[in-house]
C-alpha atoms as a PDB file:
ATOM      1  CA  MET A   1     109.959 105.509  72.153  1.00  0.00           C
ATOM      2  CA  GLN A   2     106.170 105.434  73.014  1.00  0.00           C
ATOM      3  CA  SER A   3     106.592 108.771  74.720  1.00  0.00           C
ATOM      4  CA  PHE A   4     108.342 110.225  71.625  1.00  0.00           C
ATOM      5  CA  ILE A   5     105.382 109.149  69.333  1.00  0.00           C
ATOM      6  CA  LYS A   6     102.775 110.524  71.863  1.00  0.00           C
ATOM      7  CA  TYR A   7     104.167 114.005  71.735  1.00  0.00           C
ATOM      8  CA  VAL A   8     104.854 113.986  68.028  1.00  0.00           C
ATOM      9  CA  ILE A   9     101.562 112.466  66.624  1.00  0.00           C
ATOM     10  CA  PRO A  10      99.446 115.562  67.546  1.00  0.00           C
ATOM     11  CA  MET A  11     101.520 117.683  65.150  1.00  0.00           C
ATOM     12  CA  PHE A  12     100.413 115.560  62.146  1.00  0.00           C
ATOM     13  CA  SER A  13      97.004 114.547  63.072  1.00  0.00           C
ATOM     14  CA  ILE A  14      95.127 117.397  61.411  1.00  0.00           C
ATOM     15  CA  LEU A  15      97.359 117.074  58.336  1.00  0.00           C
ATOM     16  CA  LEU A  16      96.725 113.380  57.968  1.00  0.00           C
ATOM     17  CA  ILE A  17      92.933 113.590  58.299  1.00  0.00           C
ATOM     18  CA  ALA A  18      92.604 116.530  55.954  1.00  0.00           C
ATOM     19  CA  THR A  19      94.950 115.260  53.100  1.00  0.00           C
ATOM     20  CA  ASN A  20      93.508 111.817  52.988  1.00  0.00           C
ATOM     21  CA  ALA A  21      89.940 113.116  52.949  1.00  0.00           C
ATOM     22  CA  PHE A  22      90.332 115.943  50.484  1.00  0.00           C
ATOM     23  CA  PRO A  23      93.536 115.649  48.262  1.00  0.00           C
ATOM     24  CA  GLY A  24      94.879 119.044  47.151  1.00  0.00           C
ATOM     25  CA  LEU A  25      93.144 120.744  50.213  1.00  0.00           C
ATOM     26  CA  GLU A  26      94.879 123.844  51.463  1.00  0.00           C
ATOM     27  CA  ILE A  27      95.111 123.868  55.282  1.00  0.00           C
ATOM     28  CA  GLU A  28      96.041 126.848  57.254  1.00  0.00           C
ATOM     29  CA  THR A  29      98.362 125.945  60.294  1.00  0.00           C
ATOM     30  CA  GLY A  30      98.797 127.625  63.613  1.00  0.00           C
ATOM     31  CA  SER A  31      97.164 125.357  66.171  1.00  0.00           C
ATOM     32  CA  PRO A  32      98.309 121.730  66.796  1.00  0.00           C
ATOM     33  CA  ASN A  33      95.007 120.689  68.204  1.00  0.00           C
ATOM     34  CA  ALA A  34      92.155 121.028  65.906  1.00  0.00           C
ATOM     35  CA  LEU A  35      91.365 122.168  62.285  1.00  0.00           C
ATOM     36  CA  PRO A  36      88.714 124.855  63.278  1.00  0.00           C
ATOM     37  CA  ALA A  37      91.282 126.436  65.553  1.00  0.00           C
ATOM     38  CA  ALA A  38      93.828 126.529  62.846  1.00  0.00           C
ATOM     39  CA  LYS A  39      91.633 128.460  60.714  1.00  0.00           C
ATOM     40  CA  THR A  40      90.997 131.138  63.250  1.00  0.00           C
ATOM     41  CA  LYS A  41      92.744 134.406  62.552  1.00  0.00           C
ATOM     42  CA  THR A  42      93.343 137.526  64.885  1.00  0.00           C
ATOM     43  CA  ASP A  43      95.483 140.497  64.646  1.00  0.00           C
ATOM     44  CA  SER A  44      96.726 140.019  68.290  1.00  0.00           C
ATOM     45  CA  PRO A  45      99.845 138.244  69.027  1.00  0.00           C
ATOM     46  CA  LEU A  46      99.358 134.760  70.107  1.00  0.00           C
ATOM     47  CA  THR A  47     101.750 132.207  72.185  1.00  0.00           C
ATOM     48  CA  ILE A  48     102.175 128.796  70.935  1.00  0.00           C
ATOM     49  CA  GLN A  49     103.551 126.071  73.090  1.00  0.00           C
ATOM     50  CA  THR A  50     104.936 122.837  72.040  1.00  0.00           C
ATOM     51  CA  THR A  51     106.825 119.763  73.531  1.00  0.00           C
ATOM     52  CA  GLY A  52     109.793 117.673  72.509  1.00  0.00           C
ATOM     53  CA  VAL A  53     110.899 114.502  73.641  1.00  0.00           C
ATOM     54  CA  GLY A  54     114.517 113.338  73.840  1.00  0.00           C
ATOM     55  CA  ILE A  55     116.117 110.245  74.565  1.00  0.00           C
ATOM     56  CA  PRO A  56     119.866 109.201  75.154  1.00  0.00           C
ATOM     57  CA  VAL A  57     122.077 107.449  72.658  1.00  0.00           C
ATOM     58  CA  SER A  58     125.034 106.540  74.859  1.00  0.00           C
ATOM     59  CA  LEU A  59     123.248 103.973  77.090  1.00  0.00           C
ATOM     60  CA  ASP A  60     126.717 102.912  78.428  1.00  0.00           C
ATOM     61  CA  ALA A  61     127.854 106.432  79.424  1.00  0.00           C
ATOM     62  CA  PRO A  62     127.314 108.183  82.913  1.00  0.00           C
ATOM     63  CA  VAL A  63     123.721 109.237  83.551  1.00  0.00           C
ATOM     64  CA  ASP A  64     124.916 113.013  83.270  1.00  0.00           C
ATOM     65  CA  VAL A  65     125.900 112.407  79.737  1.00  0.00           C
ATOM     66  CA  GLN A  66     122.724 110.472  78.910  1.00  0.00           C
ATOM     67  CA  LYS A  67     120.536 113.314  80.356  1.00  0.00           C
ATOM     68  CA  GLN A  68     122.538 115.914  78.360  1.00  0.00           C
ATOM     69  CA  GLU A  69     121.931 114.074  75.164  1.00  0.00           C
ATOM     70  CA  ALA A  70     118.275 113.752  75.996  1.00  0.00           C
ATOM     71  CA  PHE A  71     118.164 117.395  77.002  1.00  0.00           C
ATOM     72  CA  VAL A  72     119.560 118.710  73.685  1.00  0.00           C
ATOM     73  CA  ALA A  73     117.307 116.410  71.491  1.00  0.00           C
ATOM     74  CA  ALA A  74     114.225 117.463  73.285  1.00  0.00           C
ATOM     75  CA  ILE A  75     114.950 121.134  72.823  1.00  0.00           C
ATOM     76  CA  VAL A  76     115.676 120.773  69.110  1.00  0.00           C
ATOM     77  CA  PHE A  77     112.697 118.727  68.491  1.00  0.00           C
ATOM     78  CA  ALA A  78     110.381 121.319  70.418  1.00  0.00           C
ATOM     79  CA  ALA A  79     112.018 124.061  68.501  1.00  0.00           C
ATOM     80  CA  ARG A  80     111.220 122.279  65.337  1.00  0.00           C
ATOM     81  CA  ASN A  81     107.683 121.748  66.279  1.00  0.00           C
ATOM     82  CA  ILE A  82     107.086 125.431  67.215  1.00  0.00           C
ATOM     83  CA  ARG A  83     108.312 126.305  63.729  1.00  0.00           C
ATOM     84  CA  GLU A  84     106.224 123.829  61.776  1.00  0.00           C
ATOM     85  CA  TYR A  85     103.082 124.776  63.713  1.00  0.00           C
ATOM     86  CA  ILE A  86     103.392 128.462  62.679  1.00  0.00           C
ATOM     87  CA  TYR A  87     105.025 128.350  59.245  1.00  0.00           C
ATOM     88  CA  GLY A  88     103.746 124.964  58.110  1.00  0.00           C
ATOM     89  CA  VAL A  89     105.446 122.075  56.170  1.00  0.00           C
ATOM     90  CA  THR A  90     105.578 120.736  52.678  1.00  0.00           C
ATOM     91  CA  VAL A  91     103.511 117.502  52.209  1.00  0.00           C
ATOM     92  CA  ASN A  92     104.342 114.963  49.787  1.00  0.00           C
ATOM     93  CA  ALA A  93     102.085 111.759  49.442  1.00  0.00           C
ATOM     94  CA  ILE A  94     103.941 108.530  48.790  1.00  0.00           C
ATOM     95  CA  THR A  95     102.236 105.411  47.960  1.00  0.00           C
ATOM     96  CA  THR A  96     104.318 102.117  47.666  1.00  0.00           C
ATOM     97  CA  PHE A  97     103.633  99.075  45.741  1.00  0.00           C
ATOM     98  CA  LYS A  98     104.832  95.559  45.379  1.00  0.00           C
ATOM     99  CA  GLU A  99     103.962  93.605  42.455  1.00  0.00           C
ATOM    100  CA  ASP A 100     101.449  96.343  41.407  1.00  0.00           C
ATOM    101  CA  LYS A 101      99.724  95.954  44.876  1.00  0.00           C
ATOM    102  CA  ARG A 102      99.266  98.840  46.997  1.00  0.00           C
ATOM    103  CA  VAL A 103     101.448  98.290  50.045  1.00  0.00           C
ATOM    104  CA  LYS A 104     101.513 101.496  52.212  1.00  0.00           C
ATOM    105  CA  ASP A 105     100.208 105.248  51.952  1.00  0.00           C
ATOM    106  CA  MET A 106     102.940 107.398  53.579  1.00  0.00           C
ATOM    107  CA  ILE A 107     103.164 111.270  53.886  1.00  0.00           C
ATOM    108  CA  LEU A 108     106.566 112.897  53.929  1.00  0.00           C
ATOM    109  CA  THR A 109     106.588 116.193  55.542  1.00  0.00           C
ATOM    110  CA  SER A 110     109.435 118.583  55.330  1.00  0.00           C
ATOM    111  CA  SER A 111     110.308 122.042  56.455  1.00  0.00           C
ATOM    112  CA  LYS A 112     113.249 124.326  56.539  1.00  0.00           C
ATOM    113  CA  GLY A 113     113.820 127.594  58.565  1.00  0.00           C
ATOM    114  CA  THR A 114     115.052 129.278  61.679  1.00  0.00           C
ATOM    115  CA  ILE A 115     113.739 129.691  65.049  1.00  0.00           C
ATOM    116  CA  ALA A 116     115.314 130.057  68.630  1.00  0.00           C
ATOM    117  CA  GLY A 117     118.799 130.323  67.022  1.00  0.00           C
ATOM    118  CA  PHE A 118     118.424 127.033  65.490  1.00  0.00           C
ATOM    119  CA  GLU A 119     118.747 126.655  61.552  1.00  0.00           C
ATOM    120  CA  LEU A 120     116.382 123.556  61.007  1.00  0.00           C
ATOM    121  CA  GLU A 121     115.912 121.233  58.051  1.00  0.00           C
ATOM    122  CA  SER A 122     113.346 118.512  58.861  1.00  0.00           C
ATOM    123  CA  GLN A 123     112.020 115.397  57.349  1.00  0.00           C
ATOM    124  CA  THR A 124     109.219 113.175  58.833  1.00  0.00           C
ATOM    125  CA  MET A 125     107.619 109.987  57.354  1.00  0.00           C
ATOM    126  CA  VAL A 126     104.279 109.199  58.701  1.00  0.00           C
ATOM    127  CA  ASP A 127     102.122 106.006  57.965  1.00  0.00           C
ATOM    128  CA  ALA A 128      98.963 107.805  56.636  1.00  0.00           C
ATOM    129  CA  ILE A 129      96.722 104.901  57.782  1.00  0.00           C
ATOM    130  CA  LYS A 130      97.917 103.928  61.261  1.00  0.00           C
ATOM    131  CA  VAL A 131      98.796 107.591  61.876  1.00  0.00           C
ATOM    132  CA  ASP A 132     102.457 106.237  63.106  1.00  0.00           C
ATOM    133  CA  VAL A 133     105.743 108.247  62.936  1.00  0.00           C
ATOM    134  CA  LEU A 134     107.962 105.916  60.684  1.00  0.00           C
ATOM    135  CA  GLU A 135     110.939 108.389  60.516  1.00  0.00           C
ATOM    136  CA  ASP A 136     111.763 111.685  62.047  1.00  0.00           C
ATOM    137  CA  MET A 137     114.950 113.483  61.346  1.00  0.00           C
ATOM    138  CA  ILE A 138     116.483 116.948  61.752  1.00  0.00           C
ATOM    139  CA  ASN A 139     119.698 118.473  60.452  1.00  0.00           C
ATOM    140  CA  CYS A 140     120.330 121.550  62.578  1.00  0.00           C
ATOM    141  CA  THR A 141     122.997 124.321  63.031  1.00  0.00           C
ATOM    142  CA  PHE A 142     123.179 126.057  66.372  1.00  0.00           C
ATOM    143  CA  LYS A 143     125.785 128.774  66.983  1.00  0.00           C
ATOM    144  CA  GLY A 144     127.840 127.331  64.274  1.00  0.00           C
ATOM    145  CA  GLN A 145     127.611 123.753  65.442  1.00  0.00           C
ATOM    146  CA  ARG A 146     126.169 121.137  63.000  1.00  0.00           C
ATOM    147  CA  MET A 147     123.833 118.459  64.668  1.00  0.00           C
ATOM    148  CA  ALA A 148     122.118 115.603  63.252  1.00  0.00           C
ATOM    149  CA  LEU A 149     118.982 114.148  65.169  1.00  0.00           C
ATOM    150  CA  LYS A 150     116.747 111.053  64.512  1.00  0.00           C
ATOM    151  CA  LEU A 151     113.644 109.746  66.356  1.00  0.00           C
ATOM    152  CA  GLY A 152     114.299 111.806  69.446  1.00  0.00           C
ATOM    153  CA  LYS A 153     118.021 111.034  69.471  1.00  0.00           C
ATOM    154  CA  LEU A 154     121.179 113.318  69.050  1.00  0.00           C
ATOM    155  CA  ILE A 155     123.101 111.035  66.436  1.00  0.00           C
ATOM    156  CA  PHE A 156     125.767 113.599  65.650  1.00  0.00           C
ATOM    157  CA  PRO A 157     128.157 115.012  67.191  1.00  0.00           C
ATOM    158  CA  PRO A 158     129.077 113.401  70.546  1.00  0.00           C
ATOM    159  CA  VAL A 159     127.346 115.610  73.212  1.00  0.00           C
ATOM    160  CA  ASP A 160     130.470 116.243  75.098  1.00  0.00           C
ATOM    161  CA  SER A 161     131.856 118.240  71.875  1.00  0.00           C
ATOM    162  CA  LEU A 162     128.673 120.566  71.746  1.00  0.00           C
ATOM    163  CA  LYS A 163     128.623 124.016  73.459  1.00  0.00           C
ATOM    164  CA  PHE A 164     124.972 123.844  74.709  1.00  0.00           C
ATOM    165  CA  PRO A 165     123.255 124.792  77.872  1.00  0.00           C
ATOM    166  CA  SER A 166     123.345 122.196  80.497  1.00  0.00           C
ATOM    167  CA  TRP A 167     120.520 120.150  81.705  1.00  0.00           C
ATOM    168  CA  HIS A 168     121.641 120.858  85.231  1.00  0.00           C
ATOM    169  CA  ASN A 169     120.911 124.715  84.804  1.00  0.00           C
ATOM    170  CA  PRO A 170     118.619 125.168  81.883  1.00  0.00           C
ATOM    171  CA  PRO A 171     118.167 128.684  80.628  1.00  0.00           C
ATOM    172  CA  ASP A 172     114.831 130.538  80.876  1.00  0.00           C
ATOM    173  CA  THR A 173     115.015 131.480  76.983  1.00  0.00           C
ATOM    174  CA  LEU A 174     116.827 130.439  73.899  1.00  0.00           C
ATOM    175  CA  SER A 175     116.763 133.496  71.596  1.00  0.00           C
ATOM    176  CA  ASP A 176     112.991 134.561  71.348  1.00  0.00           C
ATOM    177  CA  VAL A 177     111.623 131.230  72.696  1.00  0.00           C
ATOM    178  CA  ALA A 178     110.819 130.523  76.410  1.00  0.00           C
ATOM    179  CA  LEU A 179     111.897 127.463  78.047  1.00  0.00           C
ATOM    180  CA  ASP A 180     108.773 126.759  80.234  1.00  0.00           C
ATOM    181  CA  LYS A 181     109.481 123.305  81.702  1.00  0.00           C
ATOM    182  CA  VAL A 182     111.878 120.496  81.633  1.00  0.00           C
ATOM    183  CA  ASP A 183     110.498 117.030  82.919  1.00  0.00           C
ATOM    184  CA  TRP A 184     112.154 113.787  83.285  1.00  0.00           C
ATOM    185  CA  GLU A 185     110.381 110.466  82.730  1.00  0.00           C
ATOM    186  CA  TRP A 186     112.036 106.986  83.530  1.00  0.00           C
ATOM    187  CA  ASP A 187     111.520 104.439  80.977  1.00  0.00           C
ATOM    188  CA  ARG A 188     111.384 101.225  83.006  1.00  0.00           C
ATOM    189  CA  SER A 189     111.648  98.943  79.724  1.00  0.00           C
ATOM    190  CA  LYS A 190     114.793 100.650  78.329  1.00  0.00           C
ATOM    191  CA  ASN A 191     116.298 101.771  81.730  1.00  0.00           C
ATOM    192  CA  TYR A 192     116.949 105.426  80.741  1.00  0.00           C
ATOM    193  CA  TRP A 193     115.471 108.923  81.519  1.00  0.00           C
ATOM    194  CA  GLU A 194     113.614 110.566  78.780  1.00  0.00           C
ATOM    195  CA  CYS A 195     113.633 114.402  78.731  1.00  0.00           C
ATOM    196  CA  VAL A 196     110.351 116.199  77.929  1.00  0.00           C
ATOM    197  CA  VAL A 197     110.749 120.009  77.182  1.00  0.00           C
ATOM    198  CA  THR A 198     108.130 122.505  76.910  1.00  0.00           C
ATOM    199  CA  LEU A 199     108.641 125.825  74.808  1.00  0.00           C
ATOM    200  CA  SER A 200     106.403 128.587  74.137  1.00  0.00           C
ATOM    201  CA  TYR A 201     106.856 131.316  71.535  1.00  0.00           C
ATOM    202  CA  LEU A 202     104.892 134.601  70.904  1.00  0.00           C
ATOM    203  CA  TYR A 203     104.254 135.026  67.189  1.00  0.00           C
ATOM    204  CA  ASP A 204     102.369 137.195  64.908  1.00  0.00           C
ATOM    205  CA  PRO A 205      99.363 135.309  63.282  1.00  0.00           C
ATOM    206  CA  SER A 206      99.638 137.432  59.985  1.00  0.00           C
ATOM    207  CA  LYS A 207     102.786 135.347  59.240  1.00  0.00           C
ATOM    208  CA  ILE A 208     100.951 131.818  59.255  1.00  0.00           C
ATOM    209  CA  LYS A 209     101.670 130.241  55.942  1.00  0.00           C
ATOM    210  CA  LYS A 210      99.608 127.352  54.416  1.00  0.00           C
ATOM    211  CA  VAL A 211     100.219 123.752  54.027  1.00  0.00           C
ATOM    212  CA  THR A 212      99.458 122.335  50.609  1.00  0.00           C
ATOM    213  CA  THR A 213      99.367 118.794  49.453  1.00  0.00           C
ATOM    214  CA  SER A 214     101.190 117.598  46.323  1.00  0.00           C
ATOM    215  CA  GLY A 215     101.641 114.444  44.549  1.00  0.00           C
ATOM    216  CA  ALA A 216     105.339 114.380  44.523  1.00  0.00           C
ATOM    217  CA  LYS A 217     107.379 111.236  44.909  1.00  0.00           C
ATOM    218  CA  ALA A 218     110.743 110.783  46.378  1.00  0.00           C
ATOM    219  CA  ILE A 219     112.869 110.654  43.335  1.00  0.00           C
ATOM    220  CA  SER A 220     116.543 110.629  44.934  1.00  0.00           C
ATOM    221  CA  PHE A 221     118.498 110.828  47.947  1.00  0.00           C
ATOM    222  CA  GLU A 222     121.693 112.271  49.411  1.00  0.00           C
ATOM    223  CA  TYR A 223     123.376 111.452  52.713  1.00  0.00           C
ATOM    224  CA  GLN A 224     123.392 113.910  55.675  1.00  0.00           C
ATOM    225  CA  LYS A 225     126.574 116.085  55.973  1.00  0.00           C
ATOM    226  CA  ASP A 226     128.500 117.652  58.758  1.00  0.00           C
ATOM    227  CA  ASP A 227     129.648 121.147  58.749  1.00  0.00           C
ATOM    228  CA  ILE A 228     132.748 120.462  56.747  1.00  0.00           C
ATOM    229  CA  GLY A 229     130.867 118.061  54.107  1.00  0.00           C
ATOM    230  CA  ASN A 230     131.610 114.664  55.577  1.00  0.00           C
ATOM    231  CA  ASN A 231     128.856 112.070  55.825  1.00  0.00           C
ATOM    232  CA  ILE A 232     127.076 111.696  59.140  1.00  0.00           C
ATOM    233  CA  PHE A 233     126.950 108.090  60.354  1.00  0.00           C
ATOM    234  CA  GLU A 234     124.573 106.454  62.814  1.00  0.00           C
ATOM    235  CA  ASP A 235     126.160 103.545  64.844  1.00  0.00           C
ATOM    236  CA  VAL A 236     124.341 100.389  64.644  1.00  0.00           C
ATOM    237  CA  ASP A 237     124.623  96.876  66.321  1.00  0.00           C
ATOM    238  CA  THR A 238     123.137  94.044  64.424  1.00  0.00           C
ATOM    239  CA  GLU A 239     123.806  90.672  62.887  1.00  0.00           C
ATOM    240  CA  GLY A 240     123.323  88.541  59.841  1.00  0.00           C
ATOM    241  CA  SER A 241     123.793  84.812  59.019  1.00  0.00           C
ATOM    242  CA  ALA A 242     124.459  82.525  56.234  1.00  0.00           C
ATOM    243  CA  PHE A 243     124.303  78.782  55.760  1.00  0.00           C
ATOM    244  CA  GLY A 244     127.032  76.559  54.079  1.00  0.00           C
ATOM    245  CA  GLY A 245     126.338  74.473  50.991  1.00  0.00           C
ATOM    246  CA  GLY A 246     127.845  73.224  47.815  1.00  0.00           C
ATOM    247  CA  ASP A 247     131.271  74.511  47.223  1.00  0.00           C
ATOM    248  CA  ASP A 248     131.079  77.058  50.165  1.00  0.00           C
ATOM    249  CA  THR A 249     134.314  77.312  52.461  1.00  0.00           C
ATOM    250  CA  PRO A 250     134.173  78.786  55.855  1.00  0.00           C
ATOM    251  CA  ASP A 251     135.647  81.957  54.580  1.00  0.00           C
ATOM    252  CA  THR A 252     132.804  82.457  51.922  1.00  0.00           C
ATOM    253  CA  ILE A 253     130.123  81.655  54.429  1.00  0.00           C
ATOM    254  CA  ARG A 254     131.634  84.207  56.756  1.00  0.00           C
ATOM    255  CA  GLN A 255     131.676  86.825  53.972  1.00  0.00           C
ATOM    256  CA  LYS A 256     127.976  86.182  53.271  1.00  0.00           C
ATOM    257  CA  ALA A 257     127.036  86.497  56.777  1.00  0.00           C
ATOM    258  CA  LEU A 258     128.869  89.870  57.087  1.00  0.00           C
ATOM    259  CA  ASP A 259     127.188  91.093  53.865  1.00  0.00           C
ATOM    260  CA  GLN A 260     123.744  90.205  55.331  1.00  0.00           C
ATOM    261  CA  ALA A 261     124.577  91.745  58.590  1.00  0.00           C
ATOM    262  CA  LEU A 262     125.567  95.078  56.836  1.00  0.00           C
ATOM    263  CA  ARG A 263     122.499  94.935  54.744  1.00  0.00           C
ATOM    264  CA  ASN A 264     120.419  94.600  57.977  1.00  0.00           C
ATOM    265  CA  ALA A 265     122.318  97.660  59.406  1.00  0.00           C
ATOM    266  CA  VAL A 266     121.478  99.786  56.398  1.00  0.00           C
ATOM    267  CA  GLU A 267     117.804  98.708  56.651  1.00  0.00           C
ATOM    268  CA  GLN A 268     117.720  99.561  60.293  1.00  0.00           C
ATOM    269  CA  VAL A 269     118.918 103.069  59.684  1.00  0.00           C
ATOM    270  CA  ASN A 270     117.450 103.873  56.315  1.00  0.00           C
ATOM    271  CA  GLY A 271     114.635 101.257  55.812  1.00  0.00           C
ATOM    272  CA  ILE A 272     111.555 103.591  55.661  1.00  0.00           C
ATOM    273  CA  PHE A 273     113.428 105.917  52.979  1.00  0.00           C
ATOM    274  CA  ILE A 274     114.632 103.047  51.001  1.00  0.00           C
ATOM    275  CA  GLN A 275     111.002 101.876  50.719  1.00  0.00           C
ATOM    276  CA  ALA A 276     109.952 105.296  49.733  1.00  0.00           C
ATOM    277  CA  LEU A 277     112.480 105.413  47.063  1.00  0.00           C
ATOM    278  CA  THR A 278     112.100 102.099  45.492  1.00  0.00           C
ATOM    279  CA  GLU A 279     108.525 100.892  45.862  1.00  0.00           C
ATOM    280  CA  VAL A 280     106.873 103.818  44.165  1.00  0.00           C
ATOM    281  CA  LYS A 281     105.550 103.634  40.685  1.00  0.00           C
ATOM    282  CA  ASP A 282     108.050 104.424  38.013  1.00  0.00           C
ATOM    283  CA  ALA A 283     110.844 104.243  40.542  1.00  0.00           C
ATOM    284  CA  VAL A 284     114.204 105.151  39.022  1.00  0.00           C
ATOM    285  CA  LEU A 285     116.300 103.530  41.766  1.00  0.00           C
ATOM    286  CA  THR A 286     116.262  99.815  42.830  1.00  0.00           C
ATOM    287  CA  LYS A 287     116.904  98.679  46.262  1.00  0.00           C
ATOM    288  CA  ASP A 288     120.012  97.054  45.030  1.00  0.00           C
ATOM    289  CA  ASP A 289     121.354 100.313  43.617  1.00  0.00           C
ATOM    290  CA  ILE A 290     120.937 102.134  47.044  1.00  0.00           C
ATOM    291  CA  MET A 291     122.248  99.074  49.085  1.00  0.00           C
ATOM    292  CA  SER A 292     125.299  98.925  46.803  1.00  0.00           C
ATOM    293  CA  GLN A 293     125.929 102.697  47.192  1.00  0.00           C
ATOM    294  CA  THR A 294     125.438 102.713  50.879  1.00  0.00           C
ATOM    295  CA  LEU A 295     127.375  99.486  51.711  1.00  0.00           C
ATOM    296  CA  GLY A 296     130.358 101.113  49.924  1.00  0.00           C
ATOM    297  CA  VAL A 297     130.155 104.050  52.382  1.00  0.00           C
ATOM    298  CA  ALA A 298     129.189 102.056  55.571  1.00  0.00           C
ATOM    299  CA  LYS A 299     132.123 101.307  57.926  1.00  0.00           C
ATOM    300  CA  VAL A 300     132.628  98.158  59.964  1.00  0.00           C
ATOM    301  CA  LEU A 301     133.824  98.868  63.462  1.00  0.00           C
ATOM    302  CA  ASP A 302     133.707  95.212  64.928  1.00  0.00           C
ATOM    303  CA  ARG A 303     132.597  91.707  63.924  1.00  0.00           C
ATOM    304  CA  LYS A 304     132.291  88.525  65.622  1.00  0.00           C
ATOM    305  CA  PHE A 305     131.584  85.162  63.790  1.00  0.00           C
ATOM    306  CA  THR A 306     129.982  82.288  65.510  1.00  0.00           C
ATOM    307  CA  PRO A 307     129.491  78.890  63.938  1.00  0.00           C
ATOM    308  CA  ARG A 308     126.639  76.614  64.754  1.00  0.00           C
ATOM    309  CA  PHE A 309     124.605  73.696  63.522  1.00  0.00           C
ATOM    310  CA  THR A 310     120.932  74.072  63.308  1.00  0.00           C
ATOM    311  CA  SER A 311     118.505  71.614  64.611  1.00  0.00           C
ATOM    312  CA  GLU A 312     118.084  70.333  61.065  1.00  0.00           C
ATOM    313  CA  GLY A 313     121.835  69.669  61.073  1.00  0.00           C
ATOM    314  CA  ASN A 314     122.694  72.637  58.746  1.00  0.00           C
ATOM    315  CA  TYR A 315     125.888  74.534  59.178  1.00  0.00           C
ATOM    316  CA  GLU A 316     125.332  78.137  59.811  1.00  0.00           C
ATOM    317  CA  ILE A 317     127.640  81.182  60.686  1.00  0.00           C
ATOM    318  CA  VAL A 318     126.353  84.149  62.488  1.00  0.00           C
ATOM    319  CA  CYS A 319     127.999  87.568  62.313  1.00  0.00           C
ATOM    320  CA  ALA A 320     127.434  90.207  64.860  1.00  0.00           C
ATOM    321  CA  VAL A 321     128.652  93.595  63.697  1.00  0.00           C
ATOM    322  CA  LYS A 322     129.086  97.068  64.952  1.00  0.00           C
ATOM    323  CA  ALA A 323     128.933  99.526  62.046  1.00  0.00           C
ATOM    324  CA  LYS A 324     128.615 103.054  61.020  1.00  0.00           C
ATOM    325  CA  VAL A 325     125.914 103.622  58.311  1.00  0.00           C
ATOM    326  CA  PRO A 326     125.396 106.945  56.447  1.00  0.00           C
ATOM    327  CA  ILE A 327     122.139 108.758  57.173  1.00  0.00           C
ATOM    328  CA  MET A 328     120.065 109.380  54.179  1.00  0.00           C
ATOM    329  CA  LEU A 329     117.812 112.410  53.139  1.00  0.00           C
ATOM    330  CA  LEU A 330     115.182 112.200  50.566  1.00  0.00           C
ATOM    331  CA  ILE A 331     115.192 114.722  47.630  1.00  0.00           C
ATOM    332  CA  THR A 332     111.580 115.175  46.474  1.00  0.00           C
ATOM    333  CA  LYS A 333     110.179 117.022  43.311  1.00  0.00           C
END
């Protein structure tokens, strides 16, 4: 994860500095490194180079499968970064509040377009103060195949169902984008290989667009869909617990523990977007609204209940679940 943030952060550093210091400022994009360079114009073709980082999802799968997952994700994120460098993003400032106290300043960037044969729709949430990437998602179509990616991972579909170049024999180019380099970095703490892909693209600077800030808020949401209109889910392992008391029976305590585990699963997948939807001024939706709707769509694959007594002598049941949670997209205005 640290490597992923390391490569994504430069893409937003100029945006965050400029939009925080000068609300409403129009920024010309084109360089990921410095604002003065981004303002420079030339009639000659220029080459832009970006990096994407991919990490595996199926950590119990063979290394070959894990590397293919990371390879696909790295290429898609690198392609997305090229397109956003050149054509810009839409920027929405979102400030969240609790009890009328300012909690967090966030910036939601979104973009939509095609490059290297990928039809991309991207949303990224950044902490405007700490300059941390809180969420980063891509909906993508490649050669008629729908993909969903999140924070450097290929969430959907299973990689073995994709017709995609192999990490064993990477191509020199993808459409009009050159694949310059593929590196592998071993994450000792997570025990998996990260893939770092470098792409380059020759473009016409006259096509550079502007990034403009706006005061829009996230007003609604939808769930990501696959190519036939079904919800796309993320697999989650988590747990919840509940204590006994009053007239509670073991069955009611187990149900409360399961409910809490599912709420934790929804938070794990969509927590940042839920905060953006429910903690802004004049929010239309409540957290309970979103939870109720999402819990109705989520699927429990497996559950395990473990009863125990706490050190204080209270009876508690812990529920460990494997669940599928639908992935949200924000709709802004």
